[in-house]
C-alpha atoms as a PDB file:
ATOM      1  CA  UNK A   1      -9.656  17.956  -5.472  1.00  0.00           C
ATOM      2  CA  UNK A   2      -6.785  20.332  -6.116  1.00  0.00           C
ATOM      3  CA  UNK A   3      -3.439  19.002  -4.976  1.00  0.00           C
ATOM      4  CA  UNK A   4      -4.762  17.008  -2.013  1.00  0.00           C
ATOM      5  CA  UNK A   5      -3.382  13.870  -3.575  1.00  0.00           C
ATOM      6  CA  UNK A   6       0.211  15.055  -3.025  1.00  0.00           C
ATOM      7  CA  UNK A   7       0.080  14.530   0.733  1.00  0.00           C
ATOM      8  CA  UNK A   8      -1.178  10.960   0.265  1.00  0.00           C
ATOM      9  CA  UNK A   9       1.504  10.255  -2.333  1.00  0.00           C
ATOM     10  CA  UNK A  10       4.223  11.586  -0.031  1.00  0.00           C
ATOM     11  CA  UNK A  11       2.847   9.388   2.766  1.00  0.00           C
ATOM     12  CA  UNK A  12       3.042   6.382   0.422  1.00  0.00           C
ATOM     13  CA  UNK A  13       6.682   7.185  -0.320  1.00  0.00           C
ATOM     14  CA  UNK A  14       7.444   7.518   3.393  1.00  0.00           C
ATOM     15  CA  UNK A  15       5.687   4.268   4.287  1.00  0.00           C
ATOM     16  CA  UNK A  16       7.562   2.454   1.526  1.00  0.00           C
ATOM     17  CA  UNK A  17      10.925   3.729   2.774  1.00  0.00           C
ATOM     18  CA  UNK A  18       9.978   2.712   6.314  1.00  0.00           C
ATOM     19  CA  UNK A  19       9.040  -0.790   5.128  1.00  0.00           C
ATOM     20  CA  UNK A  20      12.419  -1.158   3.439  1.00  0.00           C
ATOM     21  CA  UNK A  21      14.203   0.036   6.568  1.00  0.00           C
ATOM     22  CA  UNK A  22      12.198  -2.260   8.847  1.00  0.00           C
ATOM     23  CA  UNK A  23      12.923  -5.246   6.653  1.00  0.00           C
ATOM     24  CA  UNK A  24      16.667  -4.480   6.719  1.00  0.00           C
ATOM     25  CA  UNK A  25      16.366  -4.584  10.513  1.00  0.00           C
ATOM     26  CA  UNK A  26      14.616  -7.999  10.285  1.00  0.00           C
ATOM     27  CA  UNK A  27      11.412  -6.421  11.626  1.00  0.00           C
ATOM     28  CA  UNK A  28       9.158  -8.039   9.053  1.00  0.00           C
ATOM     29  CA  UNK A  29       5.984  -7.450  11.074  1.00  0.00           C
ATOM     30  CA  UNK A  30       6.402  -3.676  11.038  1.00  0.00           C
ATOM     31  CA  UNK A  31       7.474  -3.897   7.389  1.00  0.00           C
ATOM     32  CA  UNK A  32       4.188  -5.674   6.554  1.00  0.00           C
ATOM     33  CA  UNK A  33       2.251  -2.901   8.295  1.00  0.00           C
ATOM     34  CA  UNK A  34       4.104  -0.172   6.383  1.00  0.00           C
ATOM     35  CA  UNK A  35       3.681  -2.034   3.075  1.00  0.00           C
ATOM     36  CA  UNK A  36      -0.084  -2.011   3.519  1.00  0.00           C
ATOM     37  CA  UNK A  37      -0.201   1.696   4.312  1.00  0.00           C
ATOM     38  CA  UNK A  38       2.178   2.544   1.449  1.00  0.00           C
ATOM     39  CA  UNK A  39      -0.150   0.832  -0.992  1.00  0.00           C
ATOM     40  CA  UNK A  40      -3.303   2.275   0.559  1.00  0.00           C
ATOM     41  CA  UNK A  41      -1.916   5.824   0.542  1.00  0.00           C
ATOM     42  CA  UNK A  42      -0.812   5.522  -3.091  1.00  0.00           C
ATOM     43  CA  UNK A  43      -4.272   4.279  -4.096  1.00  0.00           C
ATOM     44  CA  UNK A  44      -5.905   7.167  -2.220  1.00  0.00           C
ATOM     45  CA  UNK A  45      -3.612   9.651  -3.962  1.00  0.00           C
ATOM     46  CA  UNK A  46      -4.497   8.358  -7.412  1.00  0.00           C
ATOM     47  CA  UNK A  47      -8.218   8.245  -6.617  1.00  0.00           C
ATOM     48  CA  UNK A  48      -8.076  11.878  -5.464  1.00  0.00           C
ATOM     49  CA  UNK A  49      -6.090  12.851  -8.551  1.00  0.00           C
ATOM     50  CA  UNK A  50      -8.862  11.286 -10.659  1.00  0.00           C
ATOM     51  CA  UNK A  51     -11.451  13.326  -8.742  1.00  0.00           C
ATOM     52  CA  UNK A  52     -12.877  10.338  -6.875  1.00  0.00           C
ATOM     53  CA  UNK A  53     -13.786  11.152  -3.280  1.00  0.00           C
ATOM     54  CA  UNK A  54     -12.545   8.523  -0.872  1.00  0.00           C
ATOM     55  CA  UNK A  55     -13.101   8.058   2.862  1.00  0.00           C
ATOM     56  CA  UNK A  56     -10.245   6.824   5.041  1.00  0.00           C
ATOM     57  CA  UNK A  57     -11.948   3.464   5.539  1.00  0.00           C
ATOM     58  CA  UNK A  58     -10.386   0.256   4.274  1.00  0.00           C
ATOM     59  CA  UNK A  59     -13.495  -1.076   2.567  1.00  0.00           C
ATOM     60  CA  UNK A  60     -14.246   2.232   0.805  1.00  0.00           C
ATOM     61  CA  UNK A  61     -10.686   2.367  -0.480  1.00  0.00           C
ATOM     62  CA  UNK A  62     -10.802  -1.276  -1.622  1.00  0.00           C
ATOM     63  CA  UNK A  63     -14.072  -0.818  -3.507  1.00  0.00           C
ATOM     64  CA  UNK A  64     -12.918   2.369  -5.225  1.00  0.00           C
ATOM     65  CA  UNK A  65      -9.498   0.912  -6.020  1.00  0.00           C
ATOM     66  CA  UNK A  66     -11.185  -0.980  -8.859  1.00  0.00           C
ATOM     67  CA  UNK A  67     -11.298   2.374 -10.691  1.00  0.00           C
ATOM     68  CA  UNK A  68      -7.494   2.185 -10.807  1.00  0.00           C
ATOM     69  CA  UNK A  69      -6.851  -1.449 -11.662  1.00  0.00           C
ATOM     70  CA  UNK A  70      -8.126  -4.931 -10.988  1.00  0.00           C
ATOM     71  CA  UNK A  71      -4.883  -5.744  -9.191  1.00  0.00           C
ATOM     72  CA  UNK A  72      -5.240  -2.877  -6.726  1.00  0.00           C
ATOM     73  CA  UNK A  73      -8.085  -4.396  -4.719  1.00  0.00           C
ATOM     74  CA  UNK A  74      -6.543  -7.860  -4.500  1.00  0.00           C
ATOM     75  CA  UNK A  75      -3.136  -6.474  -3.512  1.00  0.00           C
ATOM     76  CA  UNK A  76      -4.709  -4.286  -0.826  1.00  0.00           C
ATOM     77  CA  UNK A  77      -6.643  -7.268   0.519  1.00  0.00           C
ATOM     78  CA  UNK A  78      -3.538  -9.466   0.618  1.00  0.00           C
ATOM     79  CA  UNK A  79      -1.532  -6.747   2.354  1.00  0.00           C
ATOM     80  CA  UNK A  80      -4.343  -6.195   4.842  1.00  0.00           C
ATOM     81  CA  UNK A  81      -4.260  -9.886   5.736  1.00  0.00           C
ATOM     82  CA  UNK A  82      -0.514  -9.610   6.376  1.00  0.00           C
ATOM     83  CA  UNK A  83      -1.026  -6.442   8.417  1.00  0.00           C
ATOM     84  CA  UNK A  84      -3.631  -8.106  10.642  1.00  0.00           C
ATOM     85  CA  UNK A  85      -1.215 -10.945  11.306  1.00  0.00           C
ATOM     86  CA  UNK A  86       1.606  -8.511  12.044  1.00  0.00           C
ATOM     87  CA  UNK A  87      -0.340  -6.079  14.226  1.00  0.00           C
ATOM     88  CA  UNK A  88      -2.839  -8.321  15.997  1.00  0.00           C
ATOM     89  CA  UNK A  89      -1.537 -11.884  15.683  1.00  0.00           C
ATOM     90  CA  UNK A  90      -4.599 -12.869  13.649  1.00  0.00           C
ATOM     91  CA  UNK A  91      -4.600 -16.146  11.767  1.00  0.00           C
ATOM     92  CA  UNK A  92      -3.789 -15.908   8.087  1.00  0.00           C
ATOM     93  CA  UNK A  93      -6.691 -15.818   5.681  1.00  0.00           C
ATOM     94  CA  UNK A  94      -4.588 -15.601   2.519  1.00  0.00           C
ATOM     95  CA  UNK A  95      -0.829 -15.973   3.116  1.00  0.00           C
ATOM     96  CA  UNK A  96       1.000 -16.730   6.376  1.00  0.00           C
ATOM     97  CA  UNK A  97       3.353 -13.894   7.309  1.00  0.00           C
ATOM     98  CA  UNK A  98       7.090 -14.512   7.418  1.00  0.00           C
ATOM     99  CA  UNK A  99      10.239 -12.555   6.628  1.00  0.00           C
ATOM    100  CA  UNK A 100      10.323 -14.025   3.110  1.00  0.00           C
ATOM    101  CA  UNK A 101       6.683 -13.128   2.470  1.00  0.00           C
ATOM    102  CA  UNK A 102       7.208  -9.560   3.728  1.00  0.00           C
ATOM    103  CA  UNK A 103      10.223  -9.289   1.429  1.00  0.00           C
ATOM    104  CA  UNK A 104       8.226 -10.645  -1.520  1.00  0.00           C
ATOM    105  CA  UNK A 105       5.366  -8.221  -0.901  1.00  0.00           C
ATOM    106  CA  UNK A 106       7.755  -5.292  -0.539  1.00  0.00           C
ATOM    107  CA  UNK A 107       8.815  -5.902  -4.136  1.00  0.00           C
ATOM    108  CA  UNK A 108       5.175  -6.196  -5.233  1.00  0.00           C
ATOM    109  CA  UNK A 109       4.311  -2.913  -3.499  1.00  0.00           C
ATOM    110  CA  UNK A 110       7.313  -1.113  -4.985  1.00  0.00           C
ATOM    111  CA  UNK A 111       6.377  -2.304  -8.462  1.00  0.00           C
ATOM    112  CA  UNK A 112       2.687  -1.455  -7.991  1.00  0.00           C
ATOM    113  CA  UNK A 113       3.386   2.045  -6.650  1.00  0.00           C
ATOM    114  CA  UNK A 114       5.930   2.654  -9.396  1.00  0.00           C
ATOM    115  CA  UNK A 115       3.398   1.745 -12.062  1.00  0.00           C
ATOM    116  CA  UNK A 116       0.698   3.878 -10.416  1.00  0.00           C
ATOM    117  CA  UNK A 117       3.029   6.843 -10.194  1.00  0.00           C
ATOM    118  CA  UNK A 118       4.096   6.601 -13.820  1.00  0.00           C
ATOM    119  CA  UNK A 119       0.544   6.190 -15.091  1.00  0.00           C
ATOM    120  CA  UNK A 120      -0.704   9.085 -12.963  1.00  0.00           C
ATOM    121  CA  UNK A 121       2.325  11.271 -13.649  1.00  0.00           C
ATOM    122  CA  UNK A 122       3.086  11.775  -9.951  1.00  0.00           C
ATOM    123  CA  UNK A 123       6.205   9.661  -9.428  1.00  0.00           C
ATOM    124  CA  UNK A 124       8.454  11.534  -7.005  1.00  0.00           C
ATOM    125  CA  UNK A 125      11.261   9.919  -5.058  1.00  0.00           C
ATOM    126  CA  UNK A 126      10.413   6.252  -5.657  1.00  0.00           C
END
């Protein structure tokens, strides 16, 4: 897989910074969207680093995220639920979206990505 994972990791960092910025602007819906994509991109990066081919499809990423940790799949699923509420106004399946929830999940995503980066040895600017 070479260094293909680097682009995904850099995307994760960018999405995380955007989520923080959006939340500071009280735009919790956009923050929820960026939190999901930060987590998804970080998972893709680590899967690629481990030599696991992954398609850019949510379900493929969720299934293969189990190779990283048991928490990865559940966190991705929770974030996806928030993203659907934020982007499409869908009803909550797991947790109703609010500013406080987006703020709580931002911390979860930061912690998760930090742990992934340390374990994989690819922590950059986070």
